[in-house]
mmCIF file of all heavy atoms, coordinates in Angstrom:
data_MODEL
# 
_entry.id   MODEL 
# 
loop_
_atom_site.group_PDB 
_atom_site.id 
_atom_site.type_symbol 
_atom_site.label_atom_id 
_atom_site.label_alt_id 
_atom_site.label_comp_id 
_atom_site.label_asym_id 
_atom_site.label_entity_id 
_atom_site.label_seq_id 
_atom_site.pdbx_PDB_ins_code 
_atom_site.Cartn_x 
_atom_site.Cartn_y 
_atom_site.Cartn_z 
_atom_site.occupancy 
_atom_site.B_iso_or_equiv 
_atom_site.pdbx_formal_charge 
_atom_site.auth_seq_id 
_atom_site.auth_comp_id 
_atom_site.auth_asym_id 
_atom_site.auth_atom_id 
_atom_site.pdbx_PDB_model_num 
ATOM 1   N N   . ASN A 1 1  ? 19.065 -12.163 -1.210  1.00 0.00 ? 1  ASN A N   1 
ATOM 2   C CA  . ASN A 1 1  ? 18.177 -12.380 -2.358  1.00 0.00 ? 1  ASN A CA  1 
ATOM 3   C C   . ASN A 1 1  ? 16.766 -11.876 -2.067  1.00 0.00 ? 1  ASN A C   1 
ATOM 4   O O   . ASN A 1 1  ? 15.767 -12.539 -2.360  1.00 0.00 ? 1  ASN A O   1 
ATOM 5   C CB  . ASN A 1 1  ? 18.133 -13.860 -2.746  1.00 0.00 ? 1  ASN A CB  1 
ATOM 6   C CG  . ASN A 1 1  ? 19.325 -14.280 -3.580  1.00 0.00 ? 1  ASN A CG  1 
ATOM 7   O OD1 . ASN A 1 1  ? 19.997 -13.458 -4.193  1.00 0.00 ? 1  ASN A OD1 1 
ATOM 8   N ND2 . ASN A 1 1  ? 19.587 -15.580 -3.616  1.00 0.00 ? 1  ASN A ND2 1 
ATOM 9   N N   . THR A 1 2  ? 16.698 -10.694 -1.507  1.00 0.00 ? 2  THR A N   1 
ATOM 10  C CA  . THR A 1 2  ? 15.431 -10.122 -1.085  1.00 0.00 ? 2  THR A CA  1 
ATOM 11  C C   . THR A 1 2  ? 15.232 -8.749  -1.711  1.00 0.00 ? 2  THR A C   1 
ATOM 12  O O   . THR A 1 2  ? 16.170 -7.946  -1.763  1.00 0.00 ? 2  THR A O   1 
ATOM 13  C CB  . THR A 1 2  ? 15.362 -10.013 0.442   1.00 0.00 ? 2  THR A CB  1 
ATOM 14  O OG1 . THR A 1 2  ? 15.482 -11.318 1.018   1.00 0.00 ? 2  THR A OG1 1 
ATOM 15  C CG2 . THR A 1 2  ? 14.044 -9.396  0.891   1.00 0.00 ? 2  THR A CG2 1 
ATOM 16  N N   . VAL A 1 3  ? 14.020 -8.497  -2.166  1.00 0.00 ? 3  VAL A N   1 
ATOM 17  C CA  . VAL A 1 3  ? 13.656 -7.195  -2.705  1.00 0.00 ? 3  VAL A CA  1 
ATOM 18  C C   . VAL A 1 3  ? 12.549 -6.609  -1.833  1.00 0.00 ? 3  VAL A C   1 
ATOM 19  O O   . VAL A 1 3  ? 11.689 -7.338  -1.333  1.00 0.00 ? 3  VAL A O   1 
ATOM 20  C CB  . VAL A 1 3  ? 13.227 -7.286  -4.185  1.00 0.00 ? 3  VAL A CB  1 
ATOM 21  C CG1 . VAL A 1 3  ? 11.977 -8.145  -4.351  1.00 0.00 ? 3  VAL A CG1 1 
ATOM 22  C CG2 . VAL A 1 3  ? 13.025 -5.905  -4.781  1.00 0.00 ? 3  VAL A CG2 1 
ATOM 23  N N   . TYR A 1 4  ? 12.585 -5.291  -1.644  1.00 0.00 ? 4  TYR A N   1 
ATOM 24  C CA  . TYR A 1 4  ? 11.634 -4.596  -0.798  1.00 0.00 ? 4  TYR A CA  1 
ATOM 25  C C   . TYR A 1 4  ? 10.903 -3.525  -1.597  1.00 0.00 ? 4  TYR A C   1 
ATOM 26  O O   . TYR A 1 4  ? 11.420 -3.000  -2.586  1.00 0.00 ? 4  TYR A O   1 
ATOM 27  C CB  . TYR A 1 4  ? 12.335 -3.926  0.380   1.00 0.00 ? 4  TYR A CB  1 
ATOM 28  C CG  . TYR A 1 4  ? 13.177 -4.854  1.215   1.00 0.00 ? 4  TYR A CG  1 
ATOM 29  C CD1 . TYR A 1 4  ? 14.529 -5.017  0.946   1.00 0.00 ? 4  TYR A CD1 1 
ATOM 30  C CD2 . TYR A 1 4  ? 12.617 -5.571  2.273   1.00 0.00 ? 4  TYR A CD2 1 
ATOM 31  C CE1 . TYR A 1 4  ? 15.308 -5.865  1.713   1.00 0.00 ? 4  TYR A CE1 1 
ATOM 32  C CE2 . TYR A 1 4  ? 13.387 -6.423  3.037   1.00 0.00 ? 4  TYR A CE2 1 
ATOM 33  C CZ  . TYR A 1 4  ? 14.732 -6.568  2.756   1.00 0.00 ? 4  TYR A CZ  1 
ATOM 34  O OH  . TYR A 1 4  ? 15.502 -7.413  3.514   1.00 0.00 ? 4  TYR A OH  1 
ATOM 35  N N   . LEU A 1 5  ? 9.728  -3.199  -1.139  1.00 0.00 ? 5  LEU A N   1 
ATOM 36  C CA  . LEU A 1 5  ? 8.993  -2.073  -1.688  1.00 0.00 ? 5  LEU A CA  1 
ATOM 37  C C   . LEU A 1 5  ? 8.450  -1.254  -0.526  1.00 0.00 ? 5  LEU A C   1 
ATOM 38  O O   . LEU A 1 5  ? 7.528  -1.699  0.163   1.00 0.00 ? 5  LEU A O   1 
ATOM 39  C CB  . LEU A 1 5  ? 7.852  -2.527  -2.595  1.00 0.00 ? 5  LEU A CB  1 
ATOM 40  C CG  . LEU A 1 5  ? 7.104  -1.405  -3.318  1.00 0.00 ? 5  LEU A CG  1 
ATOM 41  C CD1 . LEU A 1 5  ? 8.008  -0.732  -4.345  1.00 0.00 ? 5  LEU A CD1 1 
ATOM 42  C CD2 . LEU A 1 5  ? 5.841  -1.937  -3.991  1.00 0.00 ? 5  LEU A CD2 1 
ATOM 43  N N   . GLN A 1 6  ? 9.041  -0.091  -0.303  1.00 0.00 ? 6  GLN A N   1 
ATOM 44  C CA  . GLN A 1 6  ? 8.555  0.835   0.706   1.00 0.00 ? 6  GLN A CA  1 
ATOM 45  C C   . GLN A 1 6  ? 7.498  1.721   0.069   1.00 0.00 ? 6  GLN A C   1 
ATOM 46  O O   . GLN A 1 6  ? 7.774  2.424   -0.905  1.00 0.00 ? 6  GLN A O   1 
ATOM 47  C CB  . GLN A 1 6  ? 9.698  1.688   1.256   1.00 0.00 ? 6  GLN A CB  1 
ATOM 48  C CG  . GLN A 1 6  ? 9.271  2.718   2.292   1.00 0.00 ? 6  GLN A CG  1 
ATOM 49  C CD  . GLN A 1 6  ? 8.764  2.095   3.569   1.00 0.00 ? 6  GLN A CD  1 
ATOM 50  O OE1 . GLN A 1 6  ? 9.392  1.176   4.096   1.00 0.00 ? 6  GLN A OE1 1 
ATOM 51  N NE2 . GLN A 1 6  ? 7.620  2.559   4.055   1.00 0.00 ? 6  GLN A NE2 1 
ATOM 52  N N   . MET A 1 7  ? 6.291  1.694   0.616   1.00 0.00 ? 7  MET A N   1 
ATOM 53  C CA  . MET A 1 7  ? 5.167  2.428   0.057   1.00 0.00 ? 7  MET A CA  1 
ATOM 54  C C   . MET A 1 7  ? 4.709  3.477   1.062   1.00 0.00 ? 7  MET A C   1 
ATOM 55  O O   . MET A 1 7  ? 4.242  3.137   2.152   1.00 0.00 ? 7  MET A O   1 
ATOM 56  C CB  . MET A 1 7  ? 4.018  1.483   -0.289  1.00 0.00 ? 7  MET A CB  1 
ATOM 57  C CG  . MET A 1 7  ? 4.418  0.361   -1.242  1.00 0.00 ? 7  MET A CG  1 
ATOM 58  S SD  . MET A 1 7  ? 3.013  -0.674  -1.737  1.00 0.00 ? 7  MET A SD  1 
ATOM 59  C CE  . MET A 1 7  ? 2.644  -1.459  -0.168  1.00 0.00 ? 7  MET A CE  1 
ATOM 60  N N   . ASN A 1 8  ? 4.852  4.735   0.690   1.00 0.00 ? 8  ASN A N   1 
ATOM 61  C CA  . ASN A 1 8  ? 4.440  5.850   1.527   1.00 0.00 ? 8  ASN A CA  1 
ATOM 62  C C   . ASN A 1 8  ? 3.309  6.625   0.856   1.00 0.00 ? 8  ASN A C   1 
ATOM 63  O O   . ASN A 1 8  ? 3.090  6.514   -0.347  1.00 0.00 ? 8  ASN A O   1 
ATOM 64  C CB  . ASN A 1 8  ? 5.615  6.789   1.793   1.00 0.00 ? 8  ASN A CB  1 
ATOM 65  C CG  . ASN A 1 8  ? 6.750  6.130   2.527   1.00 0.00 ? 8  ASN A CG  1 
ATOM 66  O OD1 . ASN A 1 8  ? 6.547  5.256   3.365   1.00 0.00 ? 8  ASN A OD1 1 
ATOM 67  N ND2 . ASN A 1 8  ? 7.980  6.556   2.229   1.00 0.00 ? 8  ASN A ND2 1 
ATOM 68  N N   . SER A 1 9  ? 2.622  7.426   1.640   1.00 0.00 ? 9  SER A N   1 
ATOM 69  C CA  . SER A 1 9  ? 1.530  8.267   1.128   1.00 0.00 ? 9  SER A CA  1 
ATOM 70  C C   . SER A 1 9  ? 0.552  7.458   0.291   1.00 0.00 ? 9  SER A C   1 
ATOM 71  O O   . SER A 1 9  ? 0.174  7.845   -0.815  1.00 0.00 ? 9  SER A O   1 
ATOM 72  C CB  . SER A 1 9  ? 2.101  9.435   0.312   1.00 0.00 ? 9  SER A CB  1 
ATOM 73  O OG  . SER A 1 9  ? 2.973  10.225  1.090   1.00 0.00 ? 9  SER A OG  1 
ATOM 74  N N   . LEU A 1 10 ? 0.137  6.337   0.822   1.00 0.00 ? 10 LEU A N   1 
ATOM 75  C CA  . LEU A 1 10 ? -0.714 5.422   0.073   1.00 0.00 ? 10 LEU A CA  1 
ATOM 76  C C   . LEU A 1 10 ? -2.079 6.037   -0.233  1.00 0.00 ? 10 LEU A C   1 
ATOM 77  O O   . LEU A 1 10 ? -2.637 6.784   0.574   1.00 0.00 ? 10 LEU A O   1 
ATOM 78  C CB  . LEU A 1 10 ? -0.877 4.115   0.832   1.00 0.00 ? 10 LEU A CB  1 
ATOM 79  C CG  . LEU A 1 10 ? 0.338  3.181   0.743   1.00 0.00 ? 10 LEU A CG  1 
ATOM 80  C CD1 . LEU A 1 10 ? 0.325  2.165   1.869   1.00 0.00 ? 10 LEU A CD1 1 
ATOM 81  C CD2 . LEU A 1 10 ? 0.366  2.488   -0.616  1.00 0.00 ? 10 LEU A CD2 1 
ATOM 82  N N   . LYS A 1 11 ? -2.580 5.692   -1.412  1.00 0.00 ? 11 LYS A N   1 
ATOM 83  C CA  . LYS A 1 11 ? -3.854 6.184   -1.899  1.00 0.00 ? 11 LYS A CA  1 
ATOM 84  C C   . LYS A 1 11 ? -4.802 5.014   -2.142  1.00 0.00 ? 11 LYS A C   1 
ATOM 85  O O   . LYS A 1 11 ? -4.350 3.891   -2.371  1.00 0.00 ? 11 LYS A O   1 
ATOM 86  C CB  . LYS A 1 11 ? -3.660 6.952   -3.214  1.00 0.00 ? 11 LYS A CB  1 
ATOM 87  C CG  . LYS A 1 11 ? -2.683 8.104   -3.135  1.00 0.00 ? 11 LYS A CG  1 
ATOM 88  C CD  . LYS A 1 11 ? -2.458 8.712   -4.514  1.00 0.00 ? 11 LYS A CD  1 
ATOM 89  C CE  . LYS A 1 11 ? -1.476 9.860   -4.468  1.00 0.00 ? 11 LYS A CE  1 
ATOM 90  N NZ  . LYS A 1 11 ? -1.248 10.438  -5.810  1.00 0.00 ? 11 LYS A NZ  1 
ATOM 91  N N   . PRO A 1 12 ? -6.105 5.251   -2.133  1.00 0.00 ? 12 PRO A N   1 
ATOM 92  C CA  . PRO A 1 12 ? -7.048 4.162   -2.413  1.00 0.00 ? 12 PRO A CA  1 
ATOM 93  C C   . PRO A 1 12 ? -6.775 3.463   -3.744  1.00 0.00 ? 12 PRO A C   1 
ATOM 94  O O   . PRO A 1 12 ? -6.982 2.251   -3.840  1.00 0.00 ? 12 PRO A O   1 
ATOM 95  C CB  . PRO A 1 12 ? -8.404 4.867   -2.416  1.00 0.00 ? 12 PRO A CB  1 
ATOM 96  C CG  . PRO A 1 12 ? -8.226 6.005   -1.473  1.00 0.00 ? 12 PRO A CG  1 
ATOM 97  C CD  . PRO A 1 12 ? -6.810 6.480   -1.706  1.00 0.00 ? 12 PRO A CD  1 
ATOM 98  N N   . GLU A 1 13 ? -6.314 4.205   -4.740  1.00 0.00 ? 13 GLU A N   1 
ATOM 99  C CA  . GLU A 1 13 ? -6.025 3.598   -6.031  1.00 0.00 ? 13 GLU A CA  1 
ATOM 100 C C   . GLU A 1 13 ? -4.809 2.678   -6.016  1.00 0.00 ? 13 GLU A C   1 
ATOM 101 O O   . GLU A 1 13 ? -4.535 1.995   -7.009  1.00 0.00 ? 13 GLU A O   1 
ATOM 102 C CB  . GLU A 1 13 ? -5.858 4.667   -7.121  1.00 0.00 ? 13 GLU A CB  1 
ATOM 103 C CG  . GLU A 1 13 ? -4.873 5.760   -6.761  1.00 0.00 ? 13 GLU A CG  1 
ATOM 104 C CD  . GLU A 1 13 ? -5.547 7.013   -6.230  1.00 0.00 ? 13 GLU A CD  1 
ATOM 105 O OE1 . GLU A 1 13 ? -6.456 6.886   -5.383  1.00 0.00 ? 13 GLU A OE1 1 
ATOM 106 O OE2 . GLU A 1 13 ? -5.176 8.121   -6.662  1.00 0.00 ? 13 GLU A OE2 1 
ATOM 107 N N   . ASP A 1 14 ? -4.071 2.644   -4.912  1.00 0.00 ? 14 ASP A N   1 
ATOM 108 C CA  . ASP A 1 14 ? -2.979 1.689   -4.759  1.00 0.00 ? 14 ASP A CA  1 
ATOM 109 C C   . ASP A 1 14 ? -3.483 0.307   -4.341  1.00 0.00 ? 14 ASP A C   1 
ATOM 110 O O   . ASP A 1 14 ? -2.695 -0.644  -4.295  1.00 0.00 ? 14 ASP A O   1 
ATOM 111 C CB  . ASP A 1 14 ? -1.966 2.178   -3.725  1.00 0.00 ? 14 ASP A CB  1 
ATOM 112 C CG  . ASP A 1 14 ? -1.251 3.445   -4.159  1.00 0.00 ? 14 ASP A CG  1 
ATOM 113 O OD1 . ASP A 1 14 ? -0.879 3.548   -5.345  1.00 0.00 ? 14 ASP A OD1 1 
ATOM 114 O OD2 . ASP A 1 14 ? -1.057 4.335   -3.306  1.00 0.00 ? 14 ASP A OD2 1 
ATOM 115 N N   . THR A 1 15 ? -4.756 0.201   -4.016  1.00 0.00 ? 15 THR A N   1 
ATOM 116 C CA  . THR A 1 15 ? -5.330 -1.072  -3.594  1.00 0.00 ? 15 THR A CA  1 
ATOM 117 C C   . THR A 1 15 ? -5.206 -2.108  -4.709  1.00 0.00 ? 15 THR A C   1 
ATOM 118 O O   . THR A 1 15 ? -5.662 -1.882  -5.831  1.00 0.00 ? 15 THR A O   1 
ATOM 119 C CB  . THR A 1 15 ? -6.801 -0.903  -3.200  1.00 0.00 ? 15 THR A CB  1 
ATOM 120 O OG1 . THR A 1 15 ? -6.895 -0.043  -2.059  1.00 0.00 ? 15 THR A OG1 1 
ATOM 121 C CG2 . THR A 1 15 ? -7.433 -2.244  -2.850  1.00 0.00 ? 15 THR A CG2 1 
ATOM 122 N N   . ALA A 1 16 ? -4.578 -3.232  -4.400  1.00 0.00 ? 16 ALA A N   1 
ATOM 123 C CA  . ALA A 1 16 ? -4.340 -4.283  -5.387  1.00 0.00 ? 16 ALA A CA  1 
ATOM 124 C C   . ALA A 1 16 ? -3.650 -5.449  -4.705  1.00 0.00 ? 16 ALA A C   1 
ATOM 125 O O   . ALA A 1 16 ? -3.227 -5.359  -3.547  1.00 0.00 ? 16 ALA A O   1 
ATOM 126 C CB  . ALA A 1 16 ? -3.467 -3.759  -6.530  1.00 0.00 ? 16 ALA A CB  1 
ATOM 127 N N   . VAL A 1 17 ? -3.536 -6.543  -5.441  1.00 0.00 ? 17 VAL A N   1 
ATOM 128 C CA  . VAL A 1 17 ? -2.652 -7.628  -5.032  1.00 0.00 ? 17 VAL A CA  1 
ATOM 129 C C   . VAL A 1 17 ? -1.286 -7.332  -5.628  1.00 0.00 ? 17 VAL A C   1 
ATOM 130 O O   . VAL A 1 17 ? -1.168 -7.111  -6.834  1.00 0.00 ? 17 VAL A O   1 
ATOM 131 C CB  . VAL A 1 17 ? -3.159 -8.999  -5.502  1.00 0.00 ? 17 VAL A CB  1 
ATOM 132 C CG1 . VAL A 1 17 ? -2.171 -10.098 -5.117  1.00 0.00 ? 17 VAL A CG1 1 
ATOM 133 C CG2 . VAL A 1 17 ? -4.532 -9.288  -4.899  1.00 0.00 ? 17 VAL A CG2 1 
ATOM 134 N N   . TYR A 1 18 ? -0.275 -7.334  -4.792  1.00 0.00 ? 18 TYR A N   1 
ATOM 135 C CA  . TYR A 1 18 ? 1.081  -7.028  -5.219  1.00 0.00 ? 18 TYR A CA  1 
ATOM 136 C C   . TYR A 1 18 ? 1.882  -8.313  -5.360  1.00 0.00 ? 18 TYR A C   1 
ATOM 137 O O   . TYR A 1 18 ? 1.903  -9.152  -4.460  1.00 0.00 ? 18 TYR A O   1 
ATOM 138 C CB  . TYR A 1 18 ? 1.759  -6.089  -4.218  1.00 0.00 ? 18 TYR A CB  1 
ATOM 139 C CG  . TYR A 1 18 ? 1.281  -4.667  -4.339  1.00 0.00 ? 18 TYR A CG  1 
ATOM 140 C CD1 . TYR A 1 18 ? -0.009 -4.320  -3.964  1.00 0.00 ? 18 TYR A CD1 1 
ATOM 141 C CD2 . TYR A 1 18 ? 2.108  -3.669  -4.846  1.00 0.00 ? 18 TYR A CD2 1 
ATOM 142 C CE1 . TYR A 1 18 ? -0.464 -3.021  -4.095  1.00 0.00 ? 18 TYR A CE1 1 
ATOM 143 C CE2 . TYR A 1 18 ? 1.661  -2.368  -4.973  1.00 0.00 ? 18 TYR A CE2 1 
ATOM 144 C CZ  . TYR A 1 18 ? 0.380  -2.046  -4.598  1.00 0.00 ? 18 TYR A CZ  1 
ATOM 145 O OH  . TYR A 1 18 ? -0.064 -0.748  -4.729  1.00 0.00 ? 18 TYR A OH  1 
ATOM 146 N N   . PHE A 1 19 ? 2.544  -8.446  -6.498  1.00 0.00 ? 19 PHE A N   1 
ATOM 147 C CA  . PHE A 1 19 ? 3.311  -9.644  -6.820  1.00 0.00 ? 19 PHE A CA  1 
ATOM 148 C C   . PHE A 1 19 ? 4.784  -9.307  -6.988  1.00 0.00 ? 19 PHE A C   1 
ATOM 149 O O   . PHE A 1 19 ? 5.136  -8.355  -7.681  1.00 0.00 ? 19 PHE A O   1 
ATOM 150 C CB  . PHE A 1 19 ? 2.816  -10.279 -8.120  1.00 0.00 ? 19 PHE A CB  1 
ATOM 151 C CG  . PHE A 1 19 ? 1.408  -10.777 -8.072  1.00 0.00 ? 19 PHE A CG  1 
ATOM 152 C CD1 . PHE A 1 19 ? 0.353  -9.959  -8.426  1.00 0.00 ? 19 PHE A CD1 1 
ATOM 153 C CD2 . PHE A 1 19 ? 1.131  -12.079 -7.678  1.00 0.00 ? 19 PHE A CD2 1 
ATOM 154 C CE1 . PHE A 1 19 ? -0.948 -10.412 -8.392  1.00 0.00 ? 19 PHE A CE1 1 
ATOM 155 C CE2 . PHE A 1 19 ? -0.163 -12.554 -7.641  1.00 0.00 ? 19 PHE A CE2 1 
ATOM 156 C CZ  . PHE A 1 19 ? -1.205 -11.717 -7.995  1.00 0.00 ? 19 PHE A CZ  1 
ATOM 157 N N   . CYS A 1 20 ? 5.614  -10.110 -6.384  1.00 0.00 ? 20 CYS A N   1 
ATOM 158 C CA  . CYS A 1 20 ? 7.050  -10.030 -6.595  1.00 0.00 ? 20 CYS A CA  1 
ATOM 159 C C   . CYS A 1 20 ? 7.422  -10.827 -7.845  1.00 0.00 ? 20 CYS A C   1 
ATOM 160 O O   . CYS A 1 20 ? 6.866  -11.904 -8.088  1.00 0.00 ? 20 CYS A O   1 
ATOM 161 C CB  . CYS A 1 20 ? 7.777  -10.586 -5.371  1.00 0.00 ? 20 CYS A CB  1 
ATOM 162 S SG  . CYS A 1 20 ? 9.563  -10.728 -5.532  1.00 0.00 ? 20 CYS A SG  1 
ATOM 163 N N   . ARG A 1 21 ? 8.338  -10.306 -8.622  1.00 0.00 ? 21 ARG A N   1 
ATOM 164 C CA  . ARG A 1 21 ? 8.843  -11.022 -9.791  1.00 0.00 ? 21 ARG A CA  1 
ATOM 165 C C   . ARG A 1 21 ? 10.362 -11.060 -9.766  1.00 0.00 ? 21 ARG A C   1 
ATOM 166 O O   . ARG A 1 21 ? 11.019 -10.048 -9.508  1.00 0.00 ? 21 ARG A O   1 
ATOM 167 C CB  . ARG A 1 21 ? 8.381  -10.364 -11.093 1.00 0.00 ? 21 ARG A CB  1 
ATOM 168 C CG  . ARG A 1 21 ? 8.747  -11.186 -12.334 1.00 0.00 ? 21 ARG A CG  1 
ATOM 169 C CD  . ARG A 1 21 ? 8.488  -10.433 -13.613 1.00 0.00 ? 21 ARG A CD  1 
ATOM 170 N NE  . ARG A 1 21 ? 9.528  -9.455  -13.886 1.00 0.00 ? 21 ARG A NE  1 
ATOM 171 C CZ  . ARG A 1 21 ? 10.196 -9.375  -15.047 1.00 0.00 ? 21 ARG A CZ  1 
ATOM 172 N NH1 . ARG A 1 21 ? 9.920  -10.206 -16.040 1.00 0.00 ? 21 ARG A NH1 1 
ATOM 173 N NH2 . ARG A 1 21 ? 11.118 -8.437  -15.203 1.00 0.00 ? 21 ARG A NH2 1 
ATOM 174 N N   . VAL A 1 22 ? 10.905 -12.237 -10.063 1.00 0.00 ? 22 VAL A N   1 
ATOM 175 C CA  . VAL A 1 22 ? 12.345 -12.412 -10.176 1.00 0.00 ? 22 VAL A CA  1 
ATOM 176 C C   . VAL A 1 22 ? 12.648 -13.032 -11.522 1.00 0.00 ? 22 VAL A C   1 
ATOM 177 O O   . VAL A 1 22 ? 12.046 -14.041 -11.902 1.00 0.00 ? 22 VAL A O   1 
ATOM 178 C CB  . VAL A 1 22 ? 12.907 -13.292 -9.044  1.00 0.00 ? 22 VAL A CB  1 
ATOM 179 C CG1 . VAL A 1 22 ? 14.374 -13.623 -9.303  1.00 0.00 ? 22 VAL A CG1 1 
ATOM 180 C CG2 . VAL A 1 22 ? 12.749 -12.601 -7.702  1.00 0.00 ? 22 VAL A CG2 1 
ATOM 181 N N   . LYS A 1 23 ? 13.563 -12.438 -12.244 1.00 0.00 ? 23 LYS A N   1 
ATOM 182 C CA  . LYS A 1 23 ? 14.050 -12.993 -13.494 1.00 0.00 ? 23 LYS A CA  1 
ATOM 183 C C   . LYS A 1 23 ? 15.383 -13.652 -13.190 1.00 0.00 ? 23 LYS A C   1 
ATOM 184 O O   . LYS A 1 23 ? 16.344 -12.967 -12.835 1.00 0.00 ? 23 LYS A O   1 
ATOM 185 C CB  . LYS A 1 23 ? 14.199 -11.895 -14.547 1.00 0.00 ? 23 LYS A CB  1 
ATOM 186 C CG  . LYS A 1 23 ? 14.516 -12.399 -15.936 1.00 0.00 ? 23 LYS A CG  1 
ATOM 187 C CD  . LYS A 1 23 ? 14.545 -11.227 -16.917 1.00 0.00 ? 23 LYS A CD  1 
ATOM 188 C CE  . LYS A 1 23 ? 14.774 -11.691 -18.339 1.00 0.00 ? 23 LYS A CE  1 
ATOM 189 N NZ  . LYS A 1 23 ? 14.807 -10.554 -19.287 1.00 0.00 ? 23 LYS A NZ  1 
ATOM 190 N N   . ALA A 1 24 ? 15.435 -14.989 -13.318 1.00 0.00 ? 24 ALA A N   1 
ATOM 191 C CA  . ALA A 1 24 ? 16.606 -15.731 -12.878 1.00 0.00 ? 24 ALA A CA  1 
ATOM 192 C C   . ALA A 1 24 ? 16.990 -16.807 -13.875 1.00 0.00 ? 24 ALA A C   1 
ATOM 193 O O   . ALA A 1 24 ? 16.149 -17.323 -14.620 1.00 0.00 ? 24 ALA A O   1 
ATOM 194 C CB  . ALA A 1 24 ? 16.360 -16.361 -11.511 1.00 0.00 ? 24 ALA A CB  1 
ATOM 195 N N   . THR A 1 25 ? 18.273 -17.172 -13.861 1.00 0.00 ? 25 THR A N   1 
ATOM 196 C CA  . THR A 1 25 ? 18.786 -18.275 -14.654 1.00 0.00 ? 25 THR A CA  1 
ATOM 197 C C   . THR A 1 25 ? 18.879 -19.517 -13.778 1.00 0.00 ? 25 THR A C   1 
ATOM 198 O O   . THR A 1 25 ? 19.462 -19.478 -12.689 1.00 0.00 ? 25 THR A O   1 
ATOM 199 C CB  . THR A 1 25 ? 20.160 -17.944 -15.241 1.00 0.00 ? 25 THR A CB  1 
ATOM 200 O OG1 . THR A 1 25 ? 20.049 -16.808 -16.100 1.00 0.00 ? 25 THR A OG1 1 
ATOM 201 C CG2 . THR A 1 25 ? 20.699 -19.119 -16.046 1.00 0.00 ? 25 THR A CG2 1 
ATOM 202 N N   . VAL A 1 26 ? 18.290 -20.628 -14.252 1.00 0.00 ? 26 VAL A N   1 
ATOM 203 C CA  . VAL A 1 26 ? 18.357 -21.908 -13.560 1.00 0.00 ? 26 VAL A CA  1 
ATOM 204 C C   . VAL A 1 26 ? 18.859 -22.968 -14.531 1.00 0.00 ? 26 VAL A C   1 
ATOM 205 O O   . VAL A 1 26 ? 18.896 -22.750 -15.745 1.00 0.00 ? 26 VAL A O   1 
ATOM 206 C CB  . VAL A 1 26 ? 16.987 -22.321 -12.986 1.00 0.00 ? 26 VAL A CB  1 
ATOM 207 C CG1 . VAL A 1 26 ? 16.487 -21.284 -11.996 1.00 0.00 ? 26 VAL A CG1 1 
ATOM 208 C CG2 . VAL A 1 26 ? 15.969 -22.501 -14.118 1.00 0.00 ? 26 VAL A CG2 1 
# 
């Protein structure tokens, strides 16, 4: 139940807070 984000060739405009989102049924 894990998602990854591989980020290459990073640019200054990529600077941010990154949030994971899961759409799930409970």
